[in-house]
Amino acid sequence: MLEECYRISGGEIKNLKRAVQKVAVSNKVDVSSLANHVAFYVSKMDRNWWGAAQNLQIKDDPFNTVSKIFKERININEIDDPIDKELLQNALFE
């Protein structure tokens, strides 16, 4: 995805924010995570892109964000252990 961001941005840091957003959507990944990854990569080239990455962060409550992603990816009905299942239900669904 880094290469795709670079290609879409034309190698220009000023175009990177839009490229990251486009690549995140097309690859169905969290834009916040991709922005942080790109900022880390850019920092290895002695450039600072952390401010732009910060602007792309999810502004929601972290618990709600993680809970939403968890619920999208995990089917609680597929958990066999009744104790694990109950713990997750109590933690996430109440």
PDB file of N, CA and C in Angstrom:
ATOM      1  N   MET A   1       0.817  -1.185   0.000  1.00  0.00           N
ATOM      2  CA  MET A   1       0.000   0.000   0.000  1.00  0.00           C
ATOM      3  C   MET A   1       0.867   1.258   0.000  1.00  0.00           C
ATOM      4  N   LEU A   2       2.061   1.145   0.595  1.00  0.00           N
ATOM      5  CA  LEU A   2       2.959   2.302   0.581  1.00  0.00           C
ATOM      6  C   LEU A   2       3.305   2.700  -0.848  1.00  0.00           C
ATOM      7  N   GLU A   3       3.604   1.698  -1.652  1.00  0.00           N
ATOM      8  CA  GLU A   3       3.945   1.974  -3.052  1.00  0.00           C
ATOM      9  C   GLU A   3       2.766   2.605  -3.785  1.00  0.00           C
ATOM     10  N   GLU A   4       1.569   2.140  -3.491  1.00  0.00           N
ATOM     11  CA  GLU A   4       0.377   2.700  -4.119  1.00  0.00           C
ATOM     12  C   GLU A   4       0.174   4.157  -3.693  1.00  0.00           C
ATOM     13  N   CYS A   5       0.389   4.444  -2.419  1.00  0.00           N
ATOM     14  CA  CYS A   5       0.294   5.827  -1.939  1.00  0.00           C
ATOM     15  C   CYS A   5       1.317   6.707  -2.653  1.00  0.00           C
ATOM     16  N   TYR A   6       2.529   6.190  -2.773  1.00  0.00           N
ATOM     17  CA  TYR A   6       3.592   6.943  -3.438  1.00  0.00           C
ATOM     18  C   TYR A   6       3.237   7.203  -4.904  1.00  0.00           C
ATOM     19  N   ARG A   7       2.744   6.164  -5.561  1.00  0.00           N
ATOM     20  CA  ARG A   7       2.395   6.302  -6.985  1.00  0.00           C
ATOM     21  C   ARG A   7       1.276   7.316  -7.178  1.00  0.00           C
ATOM     22  N   ILE A   8       0.222   7.223  -6.378  1.00  0.00           N
ATOM     23  CA  ILE A   8      -0.915   8.128  -6.516  1.00  0.00           C
ATOM     24  C   ILE A   8      -0.518   9.569  -6.194  1.00  0.00           C
ATOM     25  N   SER A   9       0.377   9.726  -5.226  1.00  0.00           N
ATOM     26  CA  SER A   9       0.812  11.078  -4.852  1.00  0.00           C
ATOM     27  C   SER A   9       1.806  11.670  -5.834  1.00  0.00           C
ATOM     28  N   GLY A  10       2.259  10.858  -6.771  1.00  0.00           N
ATOM     29  CA  GLY A  10       3.250  11.328  -7.728  1.00  0.00           C
ATOM     30  C   GLY A  10       4.591  11.626  -7.061  1.00  0.00           C
ATOM     31  N   GLY A  11       4.808  11.023  -5.903  1.00  0.00           N
ATOM     32  CA  GLY A  11       6.041  11.245  -5.176  1.00  0.00           C
ATOM     33  C   GLY A  11       6.097  12.587  -4.464  1.00  0.00           C
ATOM     34  N   GLU A  12       4.981  13.286  -4.439  1.00  0.00           N
ATOM     35  CA  GLU A  12       4.919  14.613  -3.813  1.00  0.00           C
ATOM     36  C   GLU A  12       4.259  14.504  -2.444  1.00  0.00           C
ATOM     37  N   ILE A  13       4.958  14.944  -1.424  1.00  0.00           N
ATOM     38  CA  ILE A  13       4.425  14.862  -0.069  1.00  0.00           C
ATOM     39  C   ILE A  13       3.146  15.687   0.084  1.00  0.00           C
ATOM     40  N   LYS A  14       3.019  16.741  -0.700  1.00  0.00           N
ATOM     41  CA  LYS A  14       1.821  17.584  -0.612  1.00  0.00           C
ATOM     42  C   LYS A  14       0.574  16.847  -1.097  1.00  0.00           C
ATOM     43  N   ASN A  15       0.748  15.793  -1.890  1.00  0.00           N
ATOM     44  CA  ASN A  15      -0.377  15.016  -2.415  1.00  0.00           C
ATOM     45  C   ASN A  15      -0.634  13.738  -1.621  1.00  0.00           C
ATOM     46  N   LEU A  16       0.154  13.524  -0.588  1.00  0.00           N
ATOM     47  CA  LEU A  16       0.116  12.259   0.126  1.00  0.00           C
ATOM     48  C   LEU A  16      -1.170  12.056   0.926  1.00  0.00           C
ATOM     49  N   LYS A  17      -1.716  13.100   1.509  1.00  0.00           N
ATOM     50  CA  LYS A  17      -2.926  12.960   2.330  1.00  0.00           C
ATOM     51  C   LYS A  17      -4.083  12.395   1.508  1.00  0.00           C
ATOM     52  N   ARG A  18      -4.298  12.974   0.344  1.00  0.00           N
ATOM     53  CA  ARG A  18      -5.380  12.492  -0.522  1.00  0.00           C
ATOM     54  C   ARG A  18      -5.098  11.069  -0.995  1.00  0.00           C
ATOM     55  N   ALA A  19      -3.821  10.778  -1.280  1.00  0.00           N
ATOM     56  CA  ALA A  19      -3.450   9.436  -1.728  1.00  0.00           C
ATOM     57  C   ALA A  19      -3.720   8.402  -0.634  1.00  0.00           C
ATOM     58  N   VAL A  20      -3.370   8.737   0.595  1.00  0.00           N
ATOM     59  CA  VAL A  20      -3.598   7.814   1.716  1.00  0.00           C
ATOM     60  C   VAL A  20      -5.089   7.548   1.881  1.00  0.00           C
ATOM     61  N   GLN A  21      -5.895   8.574   1.797  1.00  0.00           N
ATOM     62  CA  GLN A  21      -7.340   8.387   1.924  1.00  0.00           C
ATOM     63  C   GLN A  21      -7.875   7.478   0.817  1.00  0.00           C
ATOM     64  N   LYS A  22      -7.423   7.695  -0.389  1.00  0.00           N
ATOM     65  CA  LYS A  22      -7.893   6.903  -1.528  1.00  0.00           C
ATOM     66  C   LYS A  22      -7.458   5.441  -1.399  1.00  0.00           C
ATOM     67  N   VAL A  23      -6.214   5.226  -1.040  1.00  0.00           N
ATOM     68  CA  VAL A  23      -5.688   3.866  -0.909  1.00  0.00           C
ATOM     69  C   VAL A  23      -6.376   3.134   0.246  1.00  0.00           C
ATOM     70  N   ALA A  24      -6.621   3.821   1.340  1.00  0.00           N
ATOM     71  CA  ALA A  24      -7.292   3.190   2.480  1.00  0.00           C
ATOM     72  C   ALA A  24      -8.690   2.721   2.094  1.00  0.00           C
ATOM     73  N   VAL A  25      -9.417   3.568   1.404  1.00  0.00           N
ATOM     74  CA  VAL A  25     -10.778   3.194   0.991  1.00  0.00           C
ATOM     75  C   VAL A  25     -10.744   2.037   0.002  1.00  0.00           C
ATOM     76  N   SER A  26      -9.871   2.102  -0.986  1.00  0.00           N
ATOM     77  CA  SER A  26      -9.841   1.050  -2.012  1.00  0.00           C
ATOM     78  C   SER A  26      -9.359  -0.288  -1.469  1.00  0.00           C
ATOM     79  N   ASN A  27      -8.579  -0.265  -0.392  1.00  0.00           N
ATOM     80  CA  ASN A  27      -8.089  -1.508   0.206  1.00  0.00           C
ATOM     81  C   ASN A  27      -8.850  -1.901   1.466  1.00  0.00           C
ATOM     82  N   LYS A  28      -9.886  -1.132   1.798  1.00  0.00           N
ATOM     83  CA  LYS A  28     -10.745  -1.418   2.950  1.00  0.00           C
ATOM     84  C   LYS A  28      -9.939  -1.530   4.251  1.00  0.00           C
ATOM     85  N   VAL A  29      -9.049  -0.553   4.449  1.00  0.00           N
ATOM     86  CA  VAL A  29      -8.298  -0.479   5.698  1.00  0.00           C
ATOM     87  C   VAL A  29      -8.597   0.846   6.368  1.00  0.00           C
ATOM     88  N   ASP A  30      -8.313   0.909   7.642  1.00  0.00           N
ATOM     89  CA  ASP A  30      -8.536   2.112   8.423  1.00  0.00           C
ATOM     90  C   ASP A  30      -7.575   3.208   7.975  1.00  0.00           C
ATOM     91  N   VAL A  31      -8.103   4.361   7.617  1.00  0.00           N
ATOM     92  CA  VAL A  31      -7.271   5.461   7.140  1.00  0.00           C
ATOM     93  C   VAL A  31      -6.311   5.931   8.224  1.00  0.00           C
ATOM     94  N   SER A  32      -6.730   5.885   9.477  1.00  0.00           N
ATOM     95  CA  SER A  32      -5.860   6.289  10.581  1.00  0.00           C
ATOM     96  C   SER A  32      -4.611   5.432  10.643  1.00  0.00           C
ATOM     97  N   SER A  33      -4.795   4.136  10.540  1.00  0.00           N
ATOM     98  CA  SER A  33      -3.666   3.205  10.612  1.00  0.00           C
ATOM     99  C   SER A  33      -2.731   3.385   9.429  1.00  0.00           C
ATOM    100  N   LEU A  34      -3.303   3.501   8.244  1.00  0.00           N
ATOM    101  CA  LEU A  34      -2.460   3.698   7.064  1.00  0.00           C
ATOM    102  C   LEU A  34      -1.713   5.018   7.146  1.00  0.00           C
ATOM    103  N   ALA A  35      -2.362   6.059   7.624  1.00  0.00           N
ATOM    104  CA  ALA A  35      -1.707   7.358   7.772  1.00  0.00           C
ATOM    105  C   ALA A  35      -0.524   7.262   8.722  1.00  0.00           C
ATOM    106  N   ASN A  36      -0.690   6.560   9.832  1.00  0.00           N
ATOM    107  CA  ASN A  36       0.422   6.390  10.773  1.00  0.00           C
ATOM    108  C   ASN A  36       1.559   5.589  10.151  1.00  0.00           C
ATOM    109  N   HIS A  37       1.214   4.567   9.403  1.00  0.00           N
ATOM    110  CA  HIS A  37       2.221   3.749   8.738  1.00  0.00           C
ATOM    111  C   HIS A  37       3.005   4.584   7.725  1.00  0.00           C
ATOM    112  N   VAL A  38       2.294   5.369   6.951  1.00  0.00           N
ATOM    113  CA  VAL A  38       2.943   6.232   5.962  1.00  0.00           C
ATOM    114  C   VAL A  38       3.811   7.272   6.663  1.00  0.00           C
ATOM    115  N   ALA A  39       3.315   7.860   7.744  1.00  0.00           N
ATOM    116  CA  ALA A  39       4.099   8.858   8.479  1.00  0.00           C
ATOM    117  C   ALA A  39       5.392   8.250   9.013  1.00  0.00           C
ATOM    118  N   PHE A  40       5.311   7.029   9.499  1.00  0.00           N
ATOM    119  CA  PHE A  40       6.507   6.347   9.985  1.00  0.00           C
ATOM    120  C   PHE A  40       7.499   6.139   8.841  1.00  0.00           C
ATOM    121  N   TYR A  41       6.992   5.681   7.712  1.00  0.00           N
ATOM    122  CA  TYR A  41       7.845   5.457   6.546  1.00  0.00           C
ATOM    123  C   TYR A  41       8.485   6.765   6.070  1.00  0.00           C
ATOM    124  N   VAL A  42       7.698   7.813   6.012  1.00  0.00           N
ATOM    125  CA  VAL A  42       8.205   9.122   5.574  1.00  0.00           C
ATOM    126  C   VAL A  42       9.260   9.635   6.562  1.00  0.00           C
ATOM    127  N   SER A  43       9.066   9.363   7.847  1.00  0.00           N
ATOM    128  CA  SER A  43      10.037   9.822   8.847  1.00  0.00           C
ATOM    129  C   SER A  43      11.390   9.135   8.666  1.00  0.00           C
ATOM    130  N   LYS A  44      11.397   7.953   8.108  1.00  0.00           N
ATOM    131  CA  LYS A  44      12.649   7.249   7.817  1.00  0.00           C
ATOM    132  C   LYS A  44      13.448   7.962   6.722  1.00  0.00           C
ATOM    133  N   MET A  45      12.767   8.819   5.962  1.00  0.00           N
ATOM    134  CA  MET A  45      13.426   9.594   4.909  1.00  0.00           C
ATOM    135  C   MET A  45      13.718  11.022   5.390  1.00  0.00           C
ATOM    136  N   ASP A  46      13.731  11.189   6.721  1.00  0.00           N
ATOM    137  CA  ASP A  46      13.996  12.489   7.347  1.00  0.00           C
ATOM    138  C   ASP A  46      13.006  13.564   6.938  1.00  0.00           C
ATOM    139  N   ARG A  47      11.756  13.148   6.760  1.00  0.00           N
ATOM    140  CA  ARG A  47      10.663  14.085   6.490  1.00  0.00           C
ATOM    141  C   ARG A  47       9.630  13.910   7.581  1.00  0.00           C
ATOM    142  N   ASN A  48       8.896  14.950   7.878  1.00  0.00           N
ATOM    143  CA  ASN A  48       7.897  14.893   8.941  1.00  0.00           C
ATOM    144  C   ASN A  48       6.508  14.998   8.329  1.00  0.00           C
ATOM    145  N   TRP A  49       5.735  13.934   8.479  1.00  0.00           N
ATOM    146  CA  TRP A  49       4.365  13.906   7.968  1.00  0.00           C
ATOM    147  C   TRP A  49       3.385  13.566   9.087  1.00  0.00           C
ATOM    148  N   TRP A  50       3.866  13.643  10.331  1.00  0.00           N
ATOM    149  CA  TRP A  50       3.036  13.268  11.470  1.00  0.00           C
ATOM    150  C   TRP A  50       1.846  14.196  11.659  1.00  0.00           C
ATOM    151  N   GLY A  51       1.981  15.460  11.341  1.00  0.00           N
ATOM    152  CA  GLY A  51       0.860  16.392  11.471  1.00  0.00           C
ATOM    153  C   GLY A  51      -0.293  16.022  10.567  1.00  0.00           C
ATOM    154  N   ALA A  52       0.024  15.688   9.327  1.00  0.00           N
ATOM    155  CA  ALA A  52      -1.018  15.267   8.384  1.00  0.00           C
ATOM    156  C   ALA A  52      -1.645  13.950   8.837  1.00  0.00           C
ATOM    157  N   ALA A  53      -0.800  13.046   9.328  1.00  0.00           N
ATOM    158  CA  ALA A  53      -1.325  11.765   9.823  1.00  0.00           C
ATOM    159  C   ALA A  53      -2.260  11.990  11.004  1.00  0.00           C
ATOM    160  N   GLN A  54      -1.914  12.921  11.862  1.00  0.00           N
ATOM    161  CA  GLN A  54      -2.763  13.238  13.009  1.00  0.00           C
ATOM    162  C   GLN A  54      -4.131  13.744  12.556  1.00  0.00           C
ATOM    163  N   ASN A  55      -4.149  14.530  11.492  1.00  0.00           N
ATOM    164  CA  ASN A  55      -5.410  15.053  10.966  1.00  0.00           C
ATOM    165  C   ASN A  55      -6.301  13.962  10.381  1.00  0.00           C
ATOM    166  N   LEU A  56      -5.720  12.821  10.058  1.00  0.00           N
ATOM    167  CA  LEU A  56      -6.488  11.718   9.484  1.00  0.00           C
ATOM    168  C   LEU A  56      -6.937  10.701  10.535  1.00  0.00           C
ATOM    169  N   GLN A  57      -6.677  10.979  11.798  1.00  0.00           N
ATOM    170  CA  GLN A  57      -7.052  10.045  12.861  1.00  0.00           C
ATOM    171  C   GLN A  57      -8.551  10.072  13.108  1.00  0.00           C
ATOM    172  N   ILE A  58      -9.073   8.920  13.505  1.00  0.00           N
ATOM    173  CA  ILE A  58     -10.476   8.795  13.870  1.00  0.00           C
ATOM    174  C   ILE A  58     -10.718   9.653  15.104  1.00  0.00           C
ATOM    175  N   LYS A  59     -11.761  10.416  15.087  1.00  0.00           N
ATOM    176  CA  LYS A  59     -12.068  11.323  16.184  1.00  0.00           C
ATOM    177  C   LYS A  59     -13.037  10.719  17.193  1.00  0.00           C
ATOM    178  N   ASP A  60     -13.336   9.452  17.065  1.00  0.00           N
ATOM    179  CA  ASP A  60     -14.295   8.772  17.924  1.00  0.00           C
ATOM    180  C   ASP A  60     -13.614   8.262  19.194  1.00  0.00           C
ATOM    181  N   ASP A  61     -14.405   7.874  20.152  1.00  0.00           N
ATOM    182  CA  ASP A  61     -13.929   7.272  21.382  1.00  0.00           C
ATOM    183  C   ASP A  61     -13.218   5.950  21.049  1.00  0.00           C
ATOM    184  N   PRO A  62     -12.007   5.720  21.562  1.00  0.00           N
ATOM    185  CA  PRO A  62     -11.256   4.505  21.219  1.00  0.00           C
ATOM    186  C   PRO A  62     -12.004   3.213  21.531  1.00  0.00           C
ATOM    187  N   PHE A  63     -12.717   3.153  22.660  1.00  0.00           N
ATOM    188  CA  PHE A  63     -13.456   1.937  22.986  1.00  0.00           C
ATOM    189  C   PHE A  63     -14.520   1.652  21.932  1.00  0.00           C
ATOM    190  N   ASN A  64     -15.257   2.683  21.536  1.00  0.00           N
ATOM    191  CA  ASN A  64     -16.298   2.490  20.525  1.00  0.00           C
ATOM    192  C   ASN A  64     -15.704   2.053  19.193  1.00  0.00           C
ATOM    193  N   THR A  65     -14.564   2.608  18.836  1.00  0.00           N
ATOM    194  CA  THR A  65     -13.913   2.243  17.581  1.00  0.00           C
ATOM    195  C   THR A  65     -13.504   0.775  17.585  1.00  0.00           C
ATOM    196  N   VAL A  66     -12.817   0.355  18.649  1.00  0.00           N
ATOM    197  CA  VAL A  66     -12.366  -1.035  18.743  1.00  0.00           C
ATOM    198  C   VAL A  66     -13.552  -1.982  18.833  1.00  0.00           C
ATOM    199  N   SER A  67     -14.557  -1.606  19.600  1.00  0.00           N
ATOM    200  CA  SER A  67     -15.744  -2.439  19.748  1.00  0.00           C
ATOM    201  C   SER A  67     -16.444  -2.633  18.402  1.00  0.00           C
ATOM    202  N   LYS A  68     -16.570  -1.565  17.648  1.00  0.00           N
ATOM    203  CA  LYS A  68     -17.219  -1.639  16.333  1.00  0.00           C
ATOM    204  C   LYS A  68     -16.453  -2.565  15.390  1.00  0.00           C
ATOM    205  N   ILE A  69     -15.132  -2.407  15.344  1.00  0.00           N
ATOM    206  CA  ILE A  69     -14.308  -3.246  14.463  1.00  0.00           C
ATOM    207  C   ILE A  69     -14.387  -4.700  14.902  1.00  0.00           C
ATOM    208  N   PHE A  70     -14.319  -4.936  16.204  1.00  0.00           N
ATOM    209  CA  PHE A  70     -14.418  -6.295  16.724  1.00  0.00           C
ATOM    210  C   PHE A  70     -15.733  -6.944  16.311  1.00  0.00           C
ATOM    211  N   LYS A  71     -16.826  -6.214  16.487  1.00  0.00           N
ATOM    212  CA  LYS A  71     -18.143  -6.744  16.149  1.00  0.00           C
ATOM    213  C   LYS A  71     -18.287  -7.026  14.655  1.00  0.00           C
ATOM    214  N   GLU A  72     -17.606  -6.247  13.832  1.00  0.00           N
ATOM    215  CA  GLU A  72     -17.651  -6.473  12.387  1.00  0.00           C
ATOM    216  C   GLU A  72     -16.880  -7.730  11.986  1.00  0.00           C
ATOM    217  N   ARG A  73     -15.835  -8.052  12.726  1.00  0.00           N
ATOM    218  CA  ARG A  73     -14.934  -9.135  12.326  1.00  0.00           C
ATOM    219  C   ARG A  73     -15.168 -10.454  13.061  1.00  0.00           C
ATOM    220  N   ILE A  74     -15.774 -10.406  14.219  1.00  0.00           N
ATOM    221  CA  ILE A  74     -15.936 -11.612  15.034  1.00  0.00           C
ATOM    222  C   ILE A  74     -17.414 -11.918  15.208  1.00  0.00           C
ATOM    223  N   ASN A  75     -17.779 -13.139  14.910  1.00  0.00           N
ATOM    224  CA  ASN A  75     -19.139 -13.605  15.155  1.00  0.00           C
ATOM    225  C   ASN A  75     -19.149 -14.274  16.525  1.00  0.00           C
ATOM    226  N   ILE A  76     -19.727 -13.595  17.474  1.00  0.00           N
ATOM    227  CA  ILE A  76     -19.714 -14.084  18.859  1.00  0.00           C
ATOM    228  C   ILE A  76     -20.406 -15.434  18.987  1.00  0.00           C
ATOM    229  N   ASN A  77     -21.320 -15.741  18.087  1.00  0.00           N
ATOM    230  CA  ASN A  77     -22.028 -17.028  18.138  1.00  0.00           C
ATOM    231  C   ASN A  77     -21.131 -18.195  17.752  1.00  0.00           C
ATOM    232  N   GLU A  78     -19.990 -17.915  17.163  1.00  0.00           N
ATOM    233  CA  GLU A  78     -19.058 -18.973  16.776  1.00  0.00           C
ATOM    234  C   GLU A  78     -18.077 -19.338  17.893  1.00  0.00           C
ATOM    235  N   ILE A  79     -18.132 -18.635  19.004  1.00  0.00           N
ATOM    236  CA  ILE A  79     -17.246 -18.929  20.127  1.00  0.00           C
ATOM    237  C   ILE A  79     -17.818 -20.107  20.902  1.00  0.00           C
ATOM    238  N   ASP A  80     -17.026 -21.166  21.021  1.00  0.00           N
ATOM    239  CA  ASP A  80     -17.503 -22.403  21.640  1.00  0.00           C
ATOM    240  C   ASP A  80     -17.492 -22.359  23.161  1.00  0.00           C
ATOM    241  N   ASP A  81     -16.484 -21.753  23.729  1.00  0.00           N
ATOM    242  CA  ASP A  81     -16.351 -21.737  25.189  1.00  0.00           C
ATOM    243  C   ASP A  81     -17.399 -20.805  25.790  1.00  0.00           C
ATOM    244  N   PRO A  82     -18.305 -21.332  26.612  1.00  0.00           N
ATOM    245  CA  PRO A  82     -19.389 -20.492  27.152  1.00  0.00           C
ATOM    246  C   PRO A  82     -18.897 -19.357  28.055  1.00  0.00           C
ATOM    247  N   ILE A  83     -17.804 -19.591  28.772  1.00  0.00           N
ATOM    248  CA  ILE A  83     -17.274 -18.540  29.642  1.00  0.00           C
ATOM    249  C   ILE A  83     -16.695 -17.398  28.812  1.00  0.00           C
ATOM    250  N   ASP A  84     -15.912 -17.747  27.795  1.00  0.00           N
ATOM    251  CA  ASP A  84     -15.360 -16.715  26.902  1.00  0.00           C
ATOM    252  C   ASP A  84     -16.473 -15.934  26.220  1.00  0.00           C
ATOM    253  N   LYS A  85     -17.465 -16.662  25.773  1.00  0.00           N
ATOM    254  CA  LYS A  85     -18.587 -16.024  25.095  1.00  0.00           C
ATOM    255  C   LYS A  85     -19.313 -15.048  26.016  1.00  0.00           C
ATOM    256  N   GLU A  86     -19.572 -15.473  27.251  1.00  0.00           N
ATOM    257  CA  GLU A  86     -20.266 -14.609  28.206  1.00  0.00           C
ATOM    258  C   GLU A  86     -19.421 -13.380  28.561  1.00  0.00           C
ATOM    259  N   LEU A  87     -18.123 -13.577  28.749  1.00  0.00           N
ATOM    260  CA  LEU A  87     -17.240 -12.448  29.055  1.00  0.00           C
ATOM    261  C   LEU A  87     -17.271 -11.403  27.945  1.00  0.00           C
ATOM    262  N   LEU A  88     -17.182 -11.863  26.704  1.00  0.00           N
ATOM    263  CA  LEU A  88     -17.220 -10.939  25.575  1.00  0.00           C
ATOM    264  C   LEU A  88     -18.563 -10.245  25.456  1.00  0.00           C
ATOM    265  N   GLN A  89     -19.634 -10.996  25.656  1.00  0.00           N
ATOM    266  CA  GLN A  89     -20.968 -10.381  25.591  1.00  0.00           C
ATOM    267  C   GLN A  89     -21.124  -9.293  26.646  1.00  0.00           C
ATOM    268  N   ASN A  90     -20.658  -9.572  27.845  1.00  0.00           N
ATOM    269  CA  ASN A  90     -20.770  -8.603  28.929  1.00  0.00           C
ATOM    270  C   ASN A  90     -19.899  -7.381  28.663  1.00  0.00           C
ATOM    271  N   ALA A  91     -18.750  -7.582  28.103  1.00  0.00           N
ATOM    272  CA  ALA A  91     -17.819  -6.484  27.876  1.00  0.00           C
ATOM    273  C   ALA A  91     -18.222  -5.602  26.698  1.00  0.00           C
ATOM    274  N   LEU A  92     -18.767  -6.211  25.672  1.00  0.00           N
ATOM    275  CA  LEU A  92     -18.979  -5.481  24.415  1.00  0.00           C
ATOM    276  C   LEU A  92     -20.424  -5.159  24.092  1.00  0.00           C
ATOM    277  N   PHE A  93     -21.346  -5.902  24.599  1.00  0.00           N
ATOM    278  CA  PHE A  93     -22.715  -5.758  24.132  1.00  0.00           C
ATOM    279  C   PHE A  93     -23.676  -5.231  25.189  1.00  0.00           C
ATOM    280  N   GLU A  94     -23.147  -4.806  26.311  1.00  0.00           N
ATOM    281  CA  GLU A  94     -24.043  -4.277  27.341  1.00  0.00           C
ATOM    282  C   GLU A  94     -23.662  -2.875  27.709  1.00  0.00           C
TER     283      GLU A  94
END
